[in-house]
Amino acid sequence: MQIYQQIDAEFAQYEAEAAALQLRMDALTQRRESIRQQAHDQALPEIVERMTTHGITLEQVRAALAAAKPAATVIHKYWDPETEETHSGKGTIPGWLVGKTGRGRTGDPRYLNPAWVAKEDAKDAAKAAEKQGKKNKTKSSGASVADQALSSNVAVTVPNDAPEIVDGAQRPAPNDGAPIPVANVAAVDMAHVETKTASAPIVSNLN
């Protein structure tokens, strides 16, 4: 029974901490929106004054906005998970980031910006795909060279003028010019050898 009470007490403590964190996040969200609105209200009169001074019309502003390229989004490596403030990790380090940076993905993982991690994962996947593509291309190139070598091995033909032996008697084959594939050249040569051997005179040593 005591164990259950301890678990309930710990659970209640976590709930209270989560509620306090949620309240802090809501307050920070409201503060951020308030600061953004203040900056907006401050900038708007200045923009109107400059447009009036230089005779800039709304049509010109719209055309300039349409022609302007969107600025590249800068994704900082680190962020504060509580305030969502980001930092590149270079230059002056804010207090919340002191002792939490590292090379590459080292350091405190809680302070690595999830957007930065996703970008790095995409870069790693692209590099792996490029490497695999080069590897496949090399294999394909090797196979293509082998195929070309095989396809270039055109059969060479030789005249079919080898004599043939029928019933022990040598009969010259008609020289009709029919080609013999190169695969049968060895057989033709052997036929020539056998013919020469068979037609050679037998010399007896018995006198």
N, C-alpha and C. Protein backbone atom coordinates (compact mmCIF):
# COMPACT_ATOMS: atom_id res chain seq x y z
N MET A 1 0.83 -1.21 0.00
CA MET A 1 0.00 0.00 0.00
C MET A 1 0.87 1.26 0.00
N GLN A 2 1.98 1.18 0.68
CA GLN A 2 2.87 2.32 0.76
C GLN A 2 3.47 2.64 -0.61
N ILE A 3 3.75 1.59 -1.41
CA ILE A 3 4.30 1.80 -2.75
C ILE A 3 3.31 2.57 -3.61
N TYR A 4 2.04 2.22 -3.56
CA TYR A 4 1.03 2.93 -4.34
C TYR A 4 0.95 4.40 -3.95
N GLN A 5 1.06 4.67 -2.68
CA GLN A 5 1.02 6.05 -2.21
C GLN A 5 2.22 6.84 -2.74
N GLN A 6 3.37 6.20 -2.76
CA GLN A 6 4.56 6.87 -3.29
C GLN A 6 4.41 7.17 -4.78
N ILE A 7 3.87 6.20 -5.50
CA ILE A 7 3.65 6.41 -6.94
C ILE A 7 2.65 7.53 -7.18
N ASP A 8 1.55 7.54 -6.41
CA ASP A 8 0.55 8.60 -6.56
C ASP A 8 1.14 9.97 -6.25
N ALA A 9 1.99 10.02 -5.22
CA ALA A 9 2.60 11.30 -4.86
C ALA A 9 3.55 11.77 -5.96
N GLU A 10 4.32 10.85 -6.51
CA GLU A 10 5.24 11.22 -7.59
C GLU A 10 4.48 11.64 -8.83
N PHE A 11 3.39 10.93 -9.13
CA PHE A 11 2.58 11.27 -10.29
C PHE A 11 1.97 12.66 -10.13
N ALA A 12 1.50 12.97 -8.91
CA ALA A 12 0.91 14.28 -8.66
C ALA A 12 1.97 15.38 -8.79
N GLN A 13 3.19 15.08 -8.37
CA GLN A 13 4.27 16.04 -8.50
C GLN A 13 4.56 16.34 -9.97
N TYR A 14 4.61 15.28 -10.80
CA TYR A 14 4.86 15.47 -12.23
C TYR A 14 3.72 16.26 -12.88
N GLU A 15 2.51 15.98 -12.47
CA GLU A 15 1.38 16.72 -13.03
C GLU A 15 1.49 18.20 -12.69
N ALA A 16 1.88 18.49 -11.46
CA ALA A 16 2.03 19.89 -11.05
C ALA A 16 3.15 20.56 -11.84
N GLU A 17 4.25 19.87 -12.05
CA GLU A 17 5.36 20.43 -12.83
C GLU A 17 4.95 20.66 -14.28
N ALA A 18 4.21 19.69 -14.84
CA ALA A 18 3.75 19.84 -16.23
C ALA A 18 2.81 21.02 -16.36
N ALA A 19 1.94 21.19 -15.38
CA ALA A 19 1.00 22.32 -15.42
C ALA A 19 1.76 23.64 -15.30
N ALA A 20 2.80 23.67 -14.46
CA ALA A 20 3.58 24.89 -14.32
C ALA A 20 4.33 25.20 -15.61
N LEU A 21 4.87 24.18 -16.26
CA LEU A 21 5.56 24.38 -17.53
C LEU A 21 4.61 24.87 -18.61
N GLN A 22 3.40 24.33 -18.62
CA GLN A 22 2.42 24.76 -19.61
C GLN A 22 2.04 26.22 -19.41
N LEU A 23 1.90 26.62 -18.16
CA LEU A 23 1.60 28.02 -17.86
C LEU A 23 2.73 28.93 -18.32
N ARG A 24 3.97 28.47 -18.11
CA ARG A 24 5.12 29.28 -18.52
C ARG A 24 5.20 29.38 -20.04
N MET A 25 4.92 28.29 -20.72
CA MET A 25 4.92 28.31 -22.18
C MET A 25 3.83 29.23 -22.72
N ASP A 26 2.66 29.21 -22.10
CA ASP A 26 1.57 30.09 -22.54
C ASP A 26 1.96 31.55 -22.33
N ALA A 27 2.61 31.83 -21.20
CA ALA A 27 3.02 33.20 -20.93
C ALA A 27 4.08 33.66 -21.92
N LEU A 28 5.02 32.78 -22.26
CA LEU A 28 6.06 33.13 -23.23
C LEU A 28 5.47 33.34 -24.62
N THR A 29 4.47 32.53 -24.96
CA THR A 29 3.82 32.69 -26.26
C THR A 29 3.13 34.05 -26.36
N GLN A 30 2.44 34.41 -25.32
CA GLN A 30 1.78 35.72 -25.31
C GLN A 30 2.80 36.86 -25.36
N ARG A 31 3.91 36.68 -24.66
CA ARG A 31 4.93 37.71 -24.66
C ARG A 31 5.55 37.87 -26.04
N ARG A 32 5.81 36.76 -26.68
CA ARG A 32 6.39 36.81 -28.02
C ARG A 32 5.44 37.48 -28.99
N GLU A 33 4.16 37.17 -28.92
CA GLU A 33 3.18 37.79 -29.81
C GLU A 33 3.07 39.28 -29.52
N SER A 34 3.16 39.67 -28.26
CA SER A 34 3.08 41.07 -27.90
C SER A 34 4.29 41.85 -28.45
N ILE A 35 5.47 41.25 -28.35
CA ILE A 35 6.68 41.90 -28.87
C ILE A 35 6.59 42.04 -30.39
N ARG A 36 6.10 40.99 -31.05
CA ARG A 36 5.96 41.05 -32.51
C ARG A 36 4.98 42.14 -32.92
N GLN A 37 3.88 42.26 -32.19
CA GLN A 37 2.89 43.28 -32.52
C GLN A 37 3.44 44.68 -32.28
N GLN A 38 4.24 44.84 -31.24
CA GLN A 38 4.85 46.15 -30.98
C GLN A 38 5.81 46.54 -32.11
N ALA A 39 6.58 45.58 -32.56
CA ALA A 39 7.50 45.86 -33.66
C ALA A 39 6.73 46.21 -34.92
N HIS A 40 5.61 45.52 -35.14
CA HIS A 40 4.77 45.80 -36.31
C HIS A 40 4.20 47.22 -36.24
N ASP A 41 3.68 47.57 -35.08
CA ASP A 41 3.09 48.89 -34.91
C ASP A 41 4.13 50.00 -35.04
N GLN A 42 5.35 49.71 -34.64
CA GLN A 42 6.40 50.71 -34.73
C GLN A 42 6.90 50.87 -36.16
N ALA A 43 6.97 49.76 -36.90
CA ALA A 43 7.52 49.81 -38.26
C ALA A 43 6.53 50.40 -39.26
N LEU A 44 5.25 50.17 -39.07
CA LEU A 44 4.25 50.59 -40.05
C LEU A 44 4.26 52.10 -40.30
N PRO A 45 4.23 52.95 -39.29
CA PRO A 45 4.28 54.40 -39.57
C PRO A 45 5.56 54.81 -40.29
N GLU A 46 6.67 54.18 -39.96
CA GLU A 46 7.92 54.51 -40.63
C GLU A 46 7.84 54.16 -42.12
N ILE A 47 7.23 53.01 -42.42
CA ILE A 47 7.09 52.59 -43.83
C ILE A 47 6.21 53.58 -44.59
N VAL A 48 5.09 53.95 -43.98
CA VAL A 48 4.17 54.89 -44.63
C VAL A 48 4.87 56.23 -44.87
N GLU A 49 5.63 56.68 -43.89
CA GLU A 49 6.33 57.96 -44.03
C GLU A 49 7.33 57.90 -45.18
N ARG A 50 8.07 56.81 -45.28
CA ARG A 50 9.06 56.68 -46.36
C ARG A 50 8.38 56.59 -47.72
N MET A 51 7.27 55.86 -47.79
CA MET A 51 6.54 55.77 -49.05
C MET A 51 6.06 57.15 -49.49
N THR A 52 5.55 57.92 -48.54
CA THR A 52 5.07 59.26 -48.86
C THR A 52 6.20 60.18 -49.29
N THR A 53 7.31 60.08 -48.60
CA THR A 53 8.46 60.95 -48.90
C THR A 53 9.00 60.67 -50.29
N HIS A 54 9.08 59.39 -50.67
CA HIS A 54 9.69 59.01 -51.95
C HIS A 54 8.66 58.78 -53.05
N GLY A 55 7.39 59.02 -52.75
CA GLY A 55 6.35 58.88 -53.78
C GLY A 55 6.15 57.45 -54.23
N ILE A 56 6.28 56.49 -53.33
CA ILE A 56 6.11 55.07 -53.67
C ILE A 56 4.64 54.70 -53.53
N THR A 57 4.10 54.06 -54.57
CA THR A 57 2.70 53.66 -54.54
C THR A 57 2.56 52.21 -54.09
N LEU A 58 1.32 51.84 -53.76
CA LEU A 58 1.05 50.46 -53.35
C LEU A 58 1.30 49.49 -54.49
N GLU A 59 0.98 49.93 -55.74
CA GLU A 59 1.22 49.07 -56.89
C GLU A 59 2.71 48.76 -57.05
N GLN A 60 3.55 49.75 -56.81
CA GLN A 60 4.98 49.54 -56.89
C GLN A 60 5.47 48.58 -55.79
N VAL A 61 4.89 48.70 -54.63
CA VAL A 61 5.26 47.82 -53.52
C VAL A 61 4.86 46.38 -53.84
N ARG A 62 3.64 46.22 -54.39
CA ARG A 62 3.18 44.87 -54.74
C ARG A 62 4.07 44.26 -55.81
N ALA A 63 4.44 45.06 -56.82
CA ALA A 63 5.31 44.55 -57.88
C ALA A 63 6.68 44.18 -57.33
N ALA A 64 7.20 44.98 -56.42
CA ALA A 64 8.50 44.69 -55.82
C ALA A 64 8.44 43.43 -54.97
N LEU A 65 7.34 43.25 -54.25
CA LEU A 65 7.19 42.04 -53.43
C LEU A 65 7.07 40.79 -54.30
N ALA A 66 6.37 40.93 -55.43
CA ALA A 66 6.21 39.78 -56.32
C ALA A 66 7.53 39.40 -56.98
N ALA A 67 8.37 40.41 -57.26
CA ALA A 67 9.65 40.12 -57.91
C ALA A 67 10.73 39.69 -56.94
N ALA A 68 10.54 40.02 -55.68
CA ALA A 68 11.57 39.69 -54.68
C ALA A 68 11.59 38.19 -54.42
N LYS A 69 12.79 37.65 -54.32
CA LYS A 69 12.94 36.24 -54.01
C LYS A 69 12.87 36.06 -52.49
N PRO A 70 12.20 35.01 -52.06
CA PRO A 70 12.14 34.80 -50.61
C PRO A 70 13.53 34.52 -50.05
N ALA A 71 13.81 35.12 -48.92
CA ALA A 71 15.12 34.92 -48.30
C ALA A 71 15.26 33.49 -47.80
N ALA A 72 16.46 32.99 -47.92
CA ALA A 72 16.71 31.62 -47.48
C ALA A 72 16.51 31.52 -45.97
N THR A 73 15.80 30.49 -45.57
CA THR A 73 15.53 30.30 -44.15
C THR A 73 16.79 29.78 -43.45
N VAL A 74 17.20 30.50 -42.45
CA VAL A 74 18.38 30.11 -41.67
C VAL A 74 17.92 29.24 -40.51
N ILE A 75 18.44 28.03 -40.47
CA ILE A 75 18.09 27.10 -39.40
C ILE A 75 19.28 27.01 -38.45
N HIS A 76 19.12 27.55 -37.27
CA HIS A 76 20.20 27.50 -36.29
C HIS A 76 20.31 26.11 -35.68
N LYS A 77 21.50 25.81 -35.27
CA LYS A 77 21.80 24.46 -34.77
C LYS A 77 21.18 24.21 -33.39
N TYR A 78 21.16 25.22 -32.57
CA TYR A 78 20.71 25.04 -31.18
C TYR A 78 19.44 25.83 -30.91
N TRP A 79 18.72 25.34 -29.90
CA TRP A 79 17.54 26.06 -29.46
C TRP A 79 17.32 25.79 -27.98
N ASP A 80 16.62 26.71 -27.37
CA ASP A 80 16.23 26.54 -25.97
C ASP A 80 14.86 25.88 -25.96
N PRO A 81 14.76 24.64 -25.49
CA PRO A 81 13.45 23.95 -25.54
C PRO A 81 12.37 24.64 -24.73
N GLU A 82 12.75 25.52 -23.81
CA GLU A 82 11.74 26.19 -23.00
C GLU A 82 11.22 27.44 -23.69
N THR A 83 12.11 28.22 -24.26
CA THR A 83 11.69 29.48 -24.88
C THR A 83 11.66 29.40 -26.41
N GLU A 84 12.22 28.32 -26.97
CA GLU A 84 12.33 28.12 -28.41
C GLU A 84 13.24 29.17 -29.06
N GLU A 85 14.06 29.82 -28.26
CA GLU A 85 15.06 30.74 -28.81
C GLU A 85 16.15 29.92 -29.48
N THR A 86 16.62 30.36 -30.63
CA THR A 86 17.62 29.61 -31.37
C THR A 86 18.95 30.36 -31.39
N HIS A 87 20.01 29.60 -31.65
CA HIS A 87 21.34 30.18 -31.72
C HIS A 87 22.22 29.29 -32.59
N SER A 88 23.14 29.92 -33.31
CA SER A 88 24.01 29.17 -34.22
C SER A 88 25.12 28.42 -33.49
N GLY A 89 25.41 28.81 -32.25
CA GLY A 89 26.51 28.20 -31.52
C GLY A 89 27.84 28.89 -31.77
N LYS A 90 27.82 29.95 -32.57
CA LYS A 90 29.03 30.70 -32.87
C LYS A 90 28.94 32.08 -32.22
N GLY A 91 30.12 32.65 -31.99
CA GLY A 91 30.14 33.98 -31.38
C GLY A 91 29.83 33.90 -29.90
N THR A 92 29.14 34.91 -29.41
CA THR A 92 28.80 34.96 -27.98
C THR A 92 27.70 33.95 -27.67
N ILE A 93 27.97 33.07 -26.73
CA ILE A 93 27.03 32.01 -26.38
C ILE A 93 26.08 32.53 -25.29
N PRO A 94 24.78 32.41 -25.48
CA PRO A 94 23.85 32.84 -24.42
C PRO A 94 23.96 31.93 -23.20
N GLY A 95 23.45 32.38 -22.11
CA GLY A 95 23.58 31.62 -20.86
C GLY A 95 22.95 30.24 -20.92
N TRP A 96 21.80 30.12 -21.58
CA TRP A 96 21.13 28.83 -21.60
C TRP A 96 21.87 27.79 -22.44
N LEU A 97 22.87 28.23 -23.25
CA LEU A 97 23.58 27.31 -24.13
C LEU A 97 24.99 27.00 -23.64
N VAL A 98 25.42 27.67 -22.57
CA VAL A 98 26.79 27.46 -22.07
C VAL A 98 26.95 26.01 -21.60
N GLY A 99 28.02 25.36 -22.09
CA GLY A 99 28.31 23.99 -21.69
C GLY A 99 27.48 22.93 -22.38
N LYS A 100 26.68 23.32 -23.37
CA LYS A 100 25.79 22.36 -24.02
C LYS A 100 26.09 22.19 -25.50
N THR A 101 27.12 22.87 -26.01
CA THR A 101 27.45 22.77 -27.42
C THR A 101 28.48 21.67 -27.64
N GLY A 102 28.68 21.31 -28.89
CA GLY A 102 29.65 20.28 -29.24
C GLY A 102 29.80 20.22 -30.75
N ARG A 103 30.80 19.49 -31.20
CA ARG A 103 31.04 19.37 -32.63
C ARG A 103 30.06 18.38 -33.24
N GLY A 104 29.55 18.75 -34.42
CA GLY A 104 28.59 17.86 -35.08
C GLY A 104 27.33 17.73 -34.24
N ARG A 105 26.98 16.48 -33.95
CA ARG A 105 25.77 16.23 -33.17
C ARG A 105 26.09 15.94 -31.71
N THR A 106 27.32 16.21 -31.32
CA THR A 106 27.67 16.01 -29.93
C THR A 106 27.14 17.17 -29.09
N GLY A 107 27.28 17.05 -27.81
CA GLY A 107 26.71 18.06 -26.93
C GLY A 107 25.40 17.55 -26.35
N ASP A 108 24.70 18.43 -25.70
CA ASP A 108 23.42 18.06 -25.08
C ASP A 108 22.36 17.94 -26.16
N PRO A 109 21.84 16.72 -26.40
CA PRO A 109 20.86 16.55 -27.48
C PRO A 109 19.57 17.31 -27.26
N ARG A 110 19.27 17.65 -26.02
CA ARG A 110 18.04 18.39 -25.75
C ARG A 110 18.07 19.78 -26.36
N TYR A 111 19.28 20.31 -26.63
CA TYR A 111 19.41 21.66 -27.13
C TYR A 111 19.74 21.70 -28.63
N LEU A 112 19.66 20.54 -29.27
CA LEU A 112 19.80 20.52 -30.72
C LEU A 112 18.45 20.86 -31.35
N ASN A 113 18.46 21.82 -32.23
CA ASN A 113 17.23 22.25 -32.89
C ASN A 113 16.67 21.10 -33.74
N PRO A 114 15.43 20.64 -33.49
CA PRO A 114 14.86 19.55 -34.29
C PRO A 114 14.86 19.84 -35.78
N ALA A 115 14.65 21.10 -36.15
CA ALA A 115 14.68 21.46 -37.58
C ALA A 115 16.08 21.27 -38.15
N TRP A 116 17.09 21.61 -37.38
CA TRP A 116 18.48 21.41 -37.82
C TRP A 116 18.79 19.93 -37.94
N VAL A 117 18.34 19.13 -36.99
CA VAL A 117 18.56 17.68 -37.04
C VAL A 117 17.90 17.08 -38.28
N ALA A 118 16.68 17.53 -38.58
CA ALA A 118 15.98 17.03 -39.77
C ALA A 118 16.73 17.41 -41.04
N LYS A 119 17.27 18.63 -41.08
CA LYS A 119 18.04 19.06 -42.25
C LYS A 119 19.30 18.21 -42.42
N GLU A 120 19.99 17.92 -41.31
CA GLU A 120 21.19 17.09 -41.38
C GLU A 120 20.86 15.67 -41.81
N ASP A 121 19.74 15.14 -41.33
CA ASP A 121 19.31 13.80 -41.74
C ASP A 121 19.05 13.75 -43.24
N ALA A 122 18.42 14.81 -43.77
CA ALA A 122 18.15 14.86 -45.21
C ALA A 122 19.45 14.93 -46.00
N LYS A 123 20.43 15.70 -45.51
CA LYS A 123 21.72 15.79 -46.19
C LYS A 123 22.43 14.45 -46.19
N ASP A 124 22.40 13.75 -45.06
CA ASP A 124 23.05 12.44 -44.98
C ASP A 124 22.38 11.45 -45.92
N ALA A 125 21.04 11.50 -45.99
CA ALA A 125 20.33 10.59 -46.89
C ALA A 125 20.66 10.88 -48.34
N ALA A 126 20.78 12.17 -48.69
CA ALA A 126 21.12 12.55 -50.07
C ALA A 126 22.53 12.08 -50.42
N LYS A 127 23.48 12.22 -49.49
CA LYS A 127 24.85 11.76 -49.74
C LYS A 127 24.89 10.24 -49.93
N ALA A 128 24.14 9.51 -49.09
CA ALA A 128 24.11 8.06 -49.21
C ALA A 128 23.51 7.64 -50.55
N ALA A 129 22.44 8.33 -50.98
CA ALA A 129 21.82 8.01 -52.26
C ALA A 129 22.77 8.30 -53.41
N GLU A 130 23.50 9.42 -53.33
CA GLU A 130 24.46 9.75 -54.38
C GLU A 130 25.58 8.73 -54.46
N LYS A 131 26.06 8.30 -53.31
CA LYS A 131 27.13 7.30 -53.26
C LYS A 131 26.66 5.98 -53.84
N GLN A 132 25.44 5.57 -53.50
CA GLN A 132 24.89 4.33 -54.02
C GLN A 132 24.68 4.43 -55.53
N GLY A 133 24.25 5.63 -56.00
CA GLY A 133 24.06 5.82 -57.44
C GLY A 133 25.37 5.69 -58.21
N LYS A 134 26.45 6.27 -57.67
CA LYS A 134 27.76 6.13 -58.32
C LYS A 134 28.21 4.68 -58.33
N LYS A 135 27.95 3.97 -57.24
CA LYS A 135 28.33 2.55 -57.16
C LYS A 135 27.58 1.73 -58.19
N ASN A 136 26.28 1.99 -58.32
CA ASN A 136 25.48 1.26 -59.30
C ASN A 136 25.92 1.60 -60.73
N LYS A 137 26.29 2.88 -60.94
CA LYS A 137 26.74 3.30 -62.26
C LYS A 137 28.04 2.61 -62.64
N THR A 138 28.94 2.44 -61.66
CA THR A 138 30.21 1.75 -61.92
C THR A 138 29.96 0.30 -62.30
N LYS A 139 29.06 -0.37 -61.56
CA LYS A 139 28.73 -1.75 -61.88
C LYS A 139 28.11 -1.86 -63.26
N SER A 140 27.19 -0.93 -63.57
CA SER A 140 26.53 -0.94 -64.87
C SER A 140 27.54 -0.72 -66.00
N SER A 141 28.51 0.18 -65.77
CA SER A 141 29.53 0.46 -66.77
C SER A 141 30.38 -0.77 -67.02
N GLY A 142 30.75 -1.49 -65.94
CA GLY A 142 31.54 -2.71 -66.10
C GLY A 142 30.79 -3.78 -66.87
N ALA A 143 29.50 -3.92 -66.57
CA ALA A 143 28.69 -4.90 -67.29
C ALA A 143 28.54 -4.52 -68.75
N SER A 144 28.43 -3.21 -69.04
CA SER A 144 28.30 -2.76 -70.42
C SER A 144 29.55 -3.07 -71.22
N VAL A 145 30.73 -2.87 -70.59
CA VAL A 145 31.98 -3.17 -71.28
C VAL A 145 32.07 -4.64 -71.60
N ALA A 146 31.65 -5.49 -70.65
CA ALA A 146 31.68 -6.93 -70.89
C ALA A 146 30.73 -7.31 -72.01
N ASP A 147 29.54 -6.70 -72.03
CA ASP A 147 28.59 -7.01 -73.10
C ASP A 147 29.13 -6.60 -74.46
N GLN A 148 29.81 -5.44 -74.51
CA GLN A 148 30.37 -4.99 -75.78
C GLN A 148 31.47 -5.93 -76.26
N ALA A 149 32.25 -6.43 -75.30
CA ALA A 149 33.31 -7.35 -75.66
C ALA A 149 32.74 -8.64 -76.25
N LEU A 150 31.63 -9.11 -75.61
CA LEU A 150 31.01 -10.34 -76.13
C LEU A 150 30.36 -10.11 -77.48
N SER A 151 29.71 -8.95 -77.63
CA SER A 151 29.03 -8.68 -78.89
C SER A 151 30.01 -8.45 -80.03
N SER A 152 31.23 -7.98 -79.71
CA SER A 152 32.22 -7.74 -80.75
C SER A 152 32.93 -9.00 -81.18
N ASN A 153 32.70 -10.13 -80.49
CA ASN A 153 33.35 -11.40 -80.83
C ASN A 153 32.58 -12.05 -81.96
N VAL A 154 32.71 -11.47 -83.17
CA VAL A 154 31.98 -11.96 -84.34
C VAL A 154 32.61 -13.27 -84.80
N ALA A 155 31.79 -14.21 -85.13
CA ALA A 155 32.29 -15.51 -85.58
C ALA A 155 33.04 -15.36 -86.89
N VAL A 156 34.27 -15.91 -86.93
CA VAL A 156 35.09 -15.90 -88.13
C VAL A 156 34.83 -17.21 -88.88
N THR A 157 34.74 -17.14 -90.18
CA THR A 157 34.44 -18.33 -90.97
C THR A 157 35.65 -18.72 -91.79
N VAL A 158 35.78 -19.99 -92.04
CA VAL A 158 36.87 -20.53 -92.88
C VAL A 158 36.23 -21.42 -93.92
N PRO A 159 36.88 -21.60 -95.06
CA PRO A 159 36.33 -22.46 -96.10
C PRO A 159 36.21 -23.90 -95.63
N ASN A 160 35.16 -24.55 -96.02
CA ASN A 160 34.92 -25.93 -95.64
C ASN A 160 35.47 -26.86 -96.74
N ASP A 161 36.82 -26.98 -96.78
CA ASP A 161 37.44 -27.82 -97.81
C ASP A 161 38.13 -29.03 -97.21
N ALA A 162 37.81 -29.35 -95.94
CA ALA A 162 38.45 -30.51 -95.32
C ALA A 162 37.88 -31.79 -95.91
N PRO A 163 38.74 -32.76 -96.23
CA PRO A 163 38.24 -34.04 -96.75
C PRO A 163 37.54 -34.82 -95.66
N GLU A 164 36.71 -35.72 -96.05
CA GLU A 164 36.01 -36.55 -95.08
C GLU A 164 36.30 -38.02 -95.38
N ILE A 165 36.23 -38.83 -94.36
CA ILE A 165 36.50 -40.26 -94.48
C ILE A 165 35.18 -41.00 -94.47
N VAL A 166 34.95 -41.76 -95.49
CA VAL A 166 33.72 -42.54 -95.59
C VAL A 166 34.11 -43.99 -95.82
N ASP A 167 33.71 -44.89 -94.90
CA ASP A 167 34.01 -46.33 -94.99
C ASP A 167 35.50 -46.58 -95.17
N GLY A 168 36.31 -45.84 -94.43
CA GLY A 168 37.74 -46.05 -94.48
C GLY A 168 38.43 -45.45 -95.68
N ALA A 169 37.67 -44.90 -96.62
CA ALA A 169 38.27 -44.31 -97.82
C ALA A 169 38.18 -42.80 -97.74
N GLN A 170 39.22 -42.14 -98.16
CA GLN A 170 39.26 -40.68 -98.12
C GLN A 170 38.52 -40.12 -99.31
N ARG A 171 37.58 -39.26 -99.06
CA ARG A 171 36.81 -38.64 -100.12
C ARG A 171 36.90 -37.13 -99.97
N PRO A 172 37.44 -36.43 -100.93
CA PRO A 172 37.54 -34.96 -100.82
C PRO A 172 36.15 -34.33 -100.70
N ALA A 173 36.06 -33.44 -99.81
CA ALA A 173 34.79 -32.73 -99.64
C ALA A 173 34.65 -31.69 -100.73
N PRO A 174 33.45 -31.51 -101.24
CA PRO A 174 33.25 -30.49 -102.28
C PRO A 174 33.54 -29.11 -101.72
N ASN A 175 34.36 -28.38 -102.46
CA ASN A 175 34.71 -27.02 -102.04
C ASN A 175 33.62 -26.06 -102.53
N ASP A 176 32.52 -26.09 -101.82
CA ASP A 176 31.40 -25.25 -102.24
C ASP A 176 31.44 -23.87 -101.59
N GLY A 177 32.55 -23.61 -100.87
CA GLY A 177 32.68 -22.28 -100.29
C GLY A 177 31.82 -22.04 -99.08
N ALA A 178 31.17 -23.11 -98.55
CA ALA A 178 30.32 -22.92 -97.38
C ALA A 178 31.20 -22.61 -96.17
N PRO A 179 30.94 -21.56 -95.50
CA PRO A 179 31.78 -21.18 -94.36
C PRO A 179 31.51 -22.06 -93.14
N ILE A 180 32.54 -22.23 -92.36
CA ILE A 180 32.43 -22.96 -91.10
C ILE A 180 32.62 -21.96 -89.97
N PRO A 181 31.74 -21.95 -89.00
CA PRO A 181 31.91 -21.01 -87.89
C PRO A 181 33.23 -21.24 -87.20
N VAL A 182 33.70 -20.18 -86.56
CA VAL A 182 34.99 -20.27 -85.90
C VAL A 182 34.99 -21.31 -84.81
N ALA A 183 33.82 -21.63 -84.25
CA ALA A 183 33.76 -22.63 -83.21
C ALA A 183 34.16 -23.99 -83.73
N ASN A 184 34.06 -24.22 -85.09
CA ASN A 184 34.40 -25.51 -85.67
C ASN A 184 35.78 -25.52 -86.29
N VAL A 185 36.54 -24.44 -86.14
CA VAL A 185 37.86 -24.39 -86.75
C VAL A 185 38.74 -25.46 -86.17
N ALA A 186 38.66 -25.67 -84.85
CA ALA A 186 39.48 -26.69 -84.22
C ALA A 186 39.14 -28.06 -84.76
N ALA A 187 37.86 -28.32 -84.99
CA ALA A 187 37.45 -29.61 -85.54
C ALA A 187 37.99 -29.80 -86.94
N VAL A 188 38.00 -28.71 -87.75
CA VAL A 188 38.53 -28.80 -89.11
C VAL A 188 40.02 -29.09 -89.07
N ASP A 189 40.73 -28.41 -88.14
CA ASP A 189 42.17 -28.65 -88.03
C ASP A 189 42.45 -30.10 -87.66
N MET A 190 41.64 -30.62 -86.74
CA MET A 190 41.82 -32.01 -86.35
C MET A 190 41.54 -32.93 -87.51
N ALA A 191 40.56 -32.56 -88.35
CA ALA A 191 40.26 -33.38 -89.51
C ALA A 191 41.44 -33.39 -90.46
N HIS A 192 42.09 -32.23 -90.65
CA HIS A 192 43.29 -32.17 -91.48
C HIS A 192 44.39 -33.05 -90.94
N VAL A 193 44.58 -33.00 -89.62
CA VAL A 193 45.63 -33.82 -89.00
C VAL A 193 45.35 -35.28 -89.22
N GLU A 194 44.08 -35.71 -88.94
CA GLU A 194 43.73 -37.11 -89.10
C GLU A 194 43.89 -37.54 -90.55
N THR A 195 43.53 -36.65 -91.49
CA THR A 195 43.63 -36.99 -92.90
C THR A 195 45.07 -37.19 -93.29
N LYS A 196 45.95 -36.26 -92.85
CA LYS A 196 47.37 -36.39 -93.18
C LYS A 196 47.94 -37.66 -92.58
N THR A 197 47.51 -37.98 -91.37
CA THR A 197 48.02 -39.19 -90.73
C THR A 197 47.55 -40.43 -91.46
N ALA A 198 46.29 -40.42 -91.87
CA ALA A 198 45.75 -41.60 -92.55
C ALA A 198 46.35 -41.77 -93.92
N SER A 199 46.67 -40.67 -94.62
CA SER A 199 47.16 -40.77 -95.99
C SER A 199 48.66 -40.93 -96.07
N ALA A 200 49.37 -40.84 -94.92
CA ALA A 200 50.83 -40.98 -94.97
C ALA A 200 51.20 -42.42 -95.30
N PRO A 201 52.19 -42.63 -96.18
CA PRO A 201 52.59 -44.00 -96.55
C PRO A 201 53.20 -44.73 -95.39
N ILE A 202 52.93 -46.03 -95.31
CA ILE A 202 53.46 -46.88 -94.24
C ILE A 202 54.78 -47.47 -94.72
N VAL A 203 55.79 -47.23 -93.99
CA VAL A 203 57.13 -47.73 -94.33
C VAL A 203 57.45 -48.89 -93.43
N SER A 204 57.71 -50.03 -94.02
CA SER A 204 57.98 -51.23 -93.22
C SER A 204 59.48 -51.37 -93.03
N ASN A 205 59.85 -51.79 -91.87
CA ASN A 205 61.24 -52.04 -91.56
C ASN A 205 61.68 -53.47 -91.86
N LEU A 206 60.72 -54.24 -92.36
CA LEU A 206 61.02 -55.64 -92.68
C LEU A 206 61.54 -55.71 -94.11
N ASN A 207 62.73 -56.04 -94.31
CA ASN A 207 63.36 -56.17 -95.62
C ASN A 207 63.58 -57.66 -95.94
